[in-house]
Amino acid sequence: MVWLIILVIVVLYVLMGLRVITEYQRGVRFTLGKFSGEMKPGLRFVAPILQMYQKVDVRVKAVDVPQQECITKDNISVNVNAVLYYRISNAMKAILEVENYMYAISQLAQTTMRNVVGEVELDSLLSGREQVSQKIKTIVDSASDPWGIHVVSVELKHIELPQDMKRTIAKQAEAEREKRAVITKAEGELKASTNLSKAAKILAGSPGSLHLRTLATLNDLSSDQSNTIVLALPLEILKAWGQFETTKKK
């Protein structure tokens, strides 16, 4: 009877100590308060009273880095927020080396983002988000490596500028577009003047061509009844009249 009672107690003790670790988790076991090993996925035994364990999720997690007011290298105030993706690479370090790794990685990301944004100018921040994000990732990953945390990526979500700066950037963009429009118009006028110069030389070298061009222009204008036509006397007629007067005098 005594052996039966002992057997029942042993069975109950074993059943009470059975634990299931899922595939996306790791367990950190402590025996009498000391670290005694990492528990892999599957059915595991944790001796009640003598041992305890803590589960760690090793899947990729997303941390929303709250909006931070940063000062860029050229002394412009911007509000920046980001998202950081990380996963636990070493469950033992994540439990033993830092009290709350989720809080720690969030605070580290916020501080690093402010420091990195402060090292770049506004133009570089707006046009080179990927480079800034990569730099933040490298720094945070290096600092969190002793905690058993691997940073997968960092993405800047939003960069908010002051209203005055937005108006200034808009004016700059407008001025740049106007400059390009003026340059394009000037290049067009230069090409047009070159072609007109060539056409004038061709017309001047062919007697009667200017008169034919004038008649063609009048024909085009006559199709619209609302136009007022002012007939210009071709120079060829004046030249011919001058030659006729010279011959008459002789």
Protein backbone atom coordinates (compact mmCIF):
# COMPACT_ATOMS: atom_id res chain seq x y z
CA MET A 1 0.00 0.00 0.00
CA VAL A 2 2.85 2.34 0.85
CA TRP A 3 4.53 1.62 -2.48
CA LEU A 4 1.29 2.45 -4.28
CA ILE A 5 1.04 5.78 -2.50
CA ILE A 6 4.67 6.55 -3.33
CA LEU A 7 4.08 5.58 -6.97
CA VAL A 8 1.03 7.86 -7.18
CA ILE A 9 3.00 10.73 -5.66
CA VAL A 10 5.84 10.19 -8.12
CA VAL A 11 3.44 10.07 -11.07
CA LEU A 12 1.70 13.24 -9.92
CA TYR A 13 5.06 14.94 -9.39
CA VAL A 14 6.16 14.03 -12.91
CA LEU A 15 2.87 15.14 -14.43
CA MET A 16 3.04 18.45 -12.59
CA GLY A 17 6.51 19.06 -14.02
CA LEU A 18 5.69 18.40 -17.67
CA ARG A 19 5.84 21.48 -19.86
CA VAL A 20 5.34 21.98 -23.60
CA ILE A 21 7.64 24.36 -25.50
CA THR A 22 6.24 25.34 -28.89
CA GLU A 23 8.33 25.62 -32.05
CA TYR A 24 8.52 29.44 -31.91
CA GLN A 25 9.59 29.48 -28.24
CA ARG A 26 12.63 28.67 -26.18
CA GLY A 27 12.70 27.95 -22.46
CA VAL A 28 15.28 29.12 -19.93
CA ARG A 29 15.51 26.70 -16.99
CA PHE A 30 16.70 27.62 -13.48
CA THR A 31 17.56 25.03 -10.81
CA LEU A 32 17.53 26.40 -7.28
CA GLY A 33 17.88 29.87 -8.77
CA LYS A 34 20.82 29.06 -11.03
CA PHE A 35 20.73 28.85 -14.81
CA SER A 36 20.76 25.18 -15.79
CA GLY A 37 20.13 25.14 -19.53
CA GLU A 38 18.00 26.17 -22.46
CA MET A 39 14.86 24.17 -23.27
CA LYS A 40 14.22 23.34 -26.93
CA PRO A 41 10.73 22.90 -28.46
CA GLY A 42 8.85 19.78 -27.39
CA LEU A 43 7.73 18.10 -24.18
CA ARG A 44 10.06 19.01 -21.35
CA PHE A 45 10.24 18.28 -17.62
CA VAL A 46 10.68 20.98 -14.99
CA ALA A 47 11.00 19.63 -11.46
CA PRO A 48 8.40 21.38 -9.27
CA ILE A 49 9.76 23.39 -6.32
CA LEU A 50 13.37 22.71 -7.36
CA GLN A 51 13.23 24.21 -10.82
CA MET A 52 11.50 27.01 -12.64
CA TYR A 53 11.57 28.18 -16.25
CA GLN A 54 10.72 31.16 -18.42
CA LYS A 55 9.53 31.08 -22.03
CA VAL A 56 11.00 33.38 -24.67
CA ASP A 57 9.31 34.06 -28.02
CA VAL A 58 11.93 33.95 -30.78
CA ARG A 59 9.68 35.22 -33.59
CA VAL A 60 10.33 38.58 -35.25
CA LYS A 61 8.73 41.40 -33.26
CA ALA A 62 7.88 44.94 -34.32
CA VAL A 63 8.58 47.87 -32.01
CA ASP A 64 6.92 51.17 -32.80
CA VAL A 65 9.49 53.85 -32.02
CA PRO A 66 7.42 56.83 -30.76
CA GLN A 67 7.66 60.18 -32.50
CA GLN A 68 10.80 62.01 -31.44
CA GLU A 69 11.59 65.71 -31.83
CA CYS A 70 15.05 65.83 -33.36
CA ILE A 71 17.40 68.63 -34.41
CA THR A 72 19.22 68.03 -37.69
CA LYS A 73 22.82 68.99 -38.34
CA ASP A 74 21.69 72.25 -39.99
CA ASN A 75 19.61 73.15 -36.89
CA ILE A 76 16.15 72.33 -38.23
CA SER A 77 13.59 70.80 -35.87
CA VAL A 78 11.80 67.71 -37.23
CA ASN A 79 9.53 65.07 -35.73
CA VAL A 80 10.54 61.53 -36.72
CA ASN A 81 9.03 58.14 -35.93
CA ALA A 82 10.07 54.69 -37.03
CA VAL A 83 9.44 50.97 -36.67
CA LEU A 84 12.09 48.46 -35.60
CA TYR A 85 11.98 44.72 -36.31
CA TYR A 86 13.99 42.36 -34.12
CA ARG A 87 14.11 38.79 -32.88
CA ILE A 88 15.74 36.92 -29.99
CA SER A 89 18.87 35.11 -31.15
CA ASN A 90 19.95 33.91 -27.70
CA ALA A 91 17.20 33.25 -25.15
CA MET A 92 19.65 32.85 -22.26
CA LYS A 93 21.19 36.31 -22.77
CA ALA A 94 17.76 37.93 -23.27
CA ILE A 95 16.73 36.73 -19.80
CA LEU A 96 20.00 36.94 -17.88
CA GLU A 97 21.63 40.07 -19.33
CA VAL A 98 18.73 42.53 -19.36
CA GLU A 99 15.70 42.94 -17.10
CA ASN A 100 13.13 43.79 -19.77
CA TYR A 101 14.54 43.39 -23.28
CA MET A 102 11.42 44.82 -24.97
CA TYR A 103 11.62 48.07 -23.01
CA ALA A 104 15.39 48.20 -23.38
CA ILE A 105 15.36 47.82 -27.17
CA SER A 106 12.63 50.48 -27.47
CA GLN A 107 14.61 53.02 -25.43
CA LEU A 108 17.80 52.21 -27.31
CA ALA A 109 16.06 52.72 -30.66
CA GLN A 110 14.66 56.11 -29.59
CA THR A 111 18.02 57.40 -28.38
CA THR A 112 19.87 56.13 -31.44
CA MET A 113 17.33 57.65 -33.83
CA ARG A 114 17.73 61.09 -32.24
CA ASN A 115 21.52 60.85 -32.38
CA VAL A 116 21.66 59.70 -36.01
CA VAL A 117 19.16 62.32 -37.22
CA GLY A 118 21.26 64.96 -35.45
CA GLU A 119 24.28 63.96 -37.52
CA VAL A 120 22.70 64.54 -40.96
CA GLU A 121 21.33 67.61 -42.72
CA LEU A 122 17.66 67.94 -43.64
CA ASP A 123 18.22 67.32 -47.36
CA SER A 124 20.16 64.13 -46.61
CA LEU A 125 17.45 62.99 -44.20
CA LEU A 126 14.66 63.48 -46.75
CA SER A 127 16.48 62.03 -49.75
CA GLY A 128 18.46 59.30 -47.96
CA ARG A 129 16.01 57.57 -45.64
CA GLU A 130 17.44 54.15 -46.45
CA GLN A 131 20.96 55.22 -45.46
CA VAL A 132 19.73 56.75 -42.19
CA SER A 133 17.65 53.65 -41.42
CA GLN A 134 20.62 51.37 -42.13
CA LYS A 135 22.85 53.40 -39.83
CA ILE A 136 20.29 53.22 -37.00
CA LYS A 137 19.99 49.45 -37.53
CA THR A 138 23.75 48.94 -37.39
CA ILE A 139 24.14 50.90 -34.15
CA VAL A 140 21.16 49.32 -32.38
CA ASP A 141 22.14 45.82 -33.53
CA SER A 142 25.68 46.26 -32.24
CA ALA A 143 24.50 47.62 -28.88
CA SER A 144 21.84 44.94 -28.37
CA ASP A 145 24.01 41.99 -29.40
CA PRO A 146 25.15 41.34 -25.77
CA TRP A 147 21.45 41.00 -24.89
CA GLY A 148 20.97 38.18 -27.41
CA ILE A 149 18.88 40.38 -29.72
CA HIS A 150 19.31 40.60 -33.48
CA VAL A 151 17.86 43.67 -35.24
CA VAL A 152 16.35 42.64 -38.58
CA SER A 153 15.58 46.10 -39.98
CA VAL A 154 14.65 49.69 -39.14
CA GLU A 155 12.28 51.78 -41.25
CA LEU A 156 11.59 55.50 -40.88
CA LYS A 157 7.82 55.85 -41.15
CA HIS A 158 7.22 59.59 -41.11
CA ILE A 159 9.23 62.80 -41.06
CA GLU A 160 7.17 65.84 -40.07
CA LEU A 161 8.51 69.31 -40.87
CA PRO A 162 7.47 72.66 -39.38
CA GLN A 163 4.96 74.62 -41.46
CA ASP A 164 7.46 77.42 -42.13
CA MET A 165 9.96 74.92 -43.46
CA LYS A 166 7.31 73.31 -45.68
CA ARG A 167 6.53 76.71 -47.24
CA THR A 168 10.24 77.39 -47.73
CA ILE A 169 10.77 74.04 -49.46
CA ALA A 170 7.72 74.66 -51.64
CA LYS A 171 9.08 78.07 -52.68
CA GLN A 172 12.46 76.52 -53.45
CA ALA A 173 10.85 73.83 -55.59
CA GLU A 174 8.73 76.43 -57.39
CA ALA A 175 11.79 78.59 -58.09
CA GLU A 176 13.67 75.58 -59.42
CA ARG A 177 10.82 74.73 -61.79
CA GLU A 178 10.59 78.34 -63.00
CA LYS A 179 14.33 78.34 -63.66
CA ARG A 180 14.05 75.18 -65.75
CA ALA A 181 11.07 76.64 -67.63
CA VAL A 182 12.99 79.83 -68.46
CA ILE A 183 16.01 77.82 -69.63
CA THR A 184 13.82 75.58 -71.80
CA LYS A 185 12.06 78.61 -73.31
CA ALA A 186 15.38 80.32 -74.04
CA GLU A 187 16.73 77.19 -75.72
CA GLY A 188 13.59 77.00 -77.85
CA GLU A 189 13.92 80.64 -78.89
CA LEU A 190 17.57 80.06 -79.77
CA LYS A 191 16.70 77.12 -82.01
CA ALA A 192 13.81 79.08 -83.57
CA SER A 193 16.04 82.07 -84.30
CA THR A 194 18.62 79.78 -85.91
CA ASN A 195 15.99 78.21 -88.15
CA LEU A 196 14.51 81.61 -89.03
CA SER A 197 17.97 82.88 -89.94
CA LYS A 198 18.49 79.90 -92.24
CA ALA A 199 15.04 80.39 -93.82
CA ALA A 200 15.72 84.10 -94.38
CA LYS A 201 18.97 83.32 -96.14
CA ILE A 202 17.26 80.78 -98.40
CA LEU A 203 14.43 83.21 -99.23
CA ALA A 204 16.90 86.03 -99.92
CA GLY A 205 18.82 83.83 -102.35
CA SER A 206 15.76 82.89 -104.44
CA PRO A 207 14.11 85.75 -106.38
CA GLY A 208 10.33 85.79 -105.99
CA SER A 209 10.35 83.29 -103.09
CA LEU A 210 9.41 85.97 -100.54
CA HIS A 211 6.46 87.00 -102.71
CA LEU A 212 5.27 83.38 -102.89
CA ARG A 213 5.64 83.08 -99.11
CA THR A 214 3.56 86.22 -98.66
CA LEU A 215 0.80 84.86 -100.88
CA ALA A 216 0.83 81.57 -98.93
CA THR A 217 0.50 83.47 -95.66
CA LEU A 218 -2.43 85.49 -97.02
CA ASN A 219 -4.11 82.27 -98.10
CA ASP A 220 -3.77 80.87 -94.58
CA LEU A 221 -5.19 84.01 -93.00
CA SER A 222 -8.14 84.20 -95.37
CA SER A 223 -9.62 80.98 -93.93
CA ASP A 224 -10.57 82.85 -90.73
CA GLN A 225 -13.10 85.65 -91.33
CA SER A 226 -12.34 87.29 -87.98
CA ASN A 227 -8.78 88.20 -88.98
CA THR A 228 -7.89 91.63 -90.32
CA ILE A 229 -5.36 91.36 -93.13
CA VAL A 230 -2.80 94.09 -93.66
CA LEU A 231 -1.15 93.60 -97.05
CA ALA A 232 2.56 94.23 -96.99
CA LEU A 233 4.27 95.23 -100.23
CA PRO A 234 7.03 92.75 -101.09
CA LEU A 235 10.53 94.15 -101.44
CA GLU A 236 10.86 92.55 -104.86
CA ILE A 237 8.19 94.89 -106.23
CA LEU A 238 10.03 97.94 -104.85
CA LYS A 239 13.27 96.71 -106.39
CA ALA A 240 11.54 96.12 -109.73
CA TRP A 241 9.96 99.60 -109.58
CA GLY A 242 13.39 101.11 -108.84
CA GLN A 243 14.93 99.33 -111.83
CA PHE A 244 12.02 100.52 -114.04
CA GLU A 245 12.57 104.14 -112.99
CA THR A 246 16.29 103.86 -113.66
CA THR A 247 15.66 102.45 -117.15
CA LYS A 248 13.06 105.14 -117.88
CA LYS A 249 15.48 107.93 -117.02
CA LYS A 250 18.07 106.51 -119.39
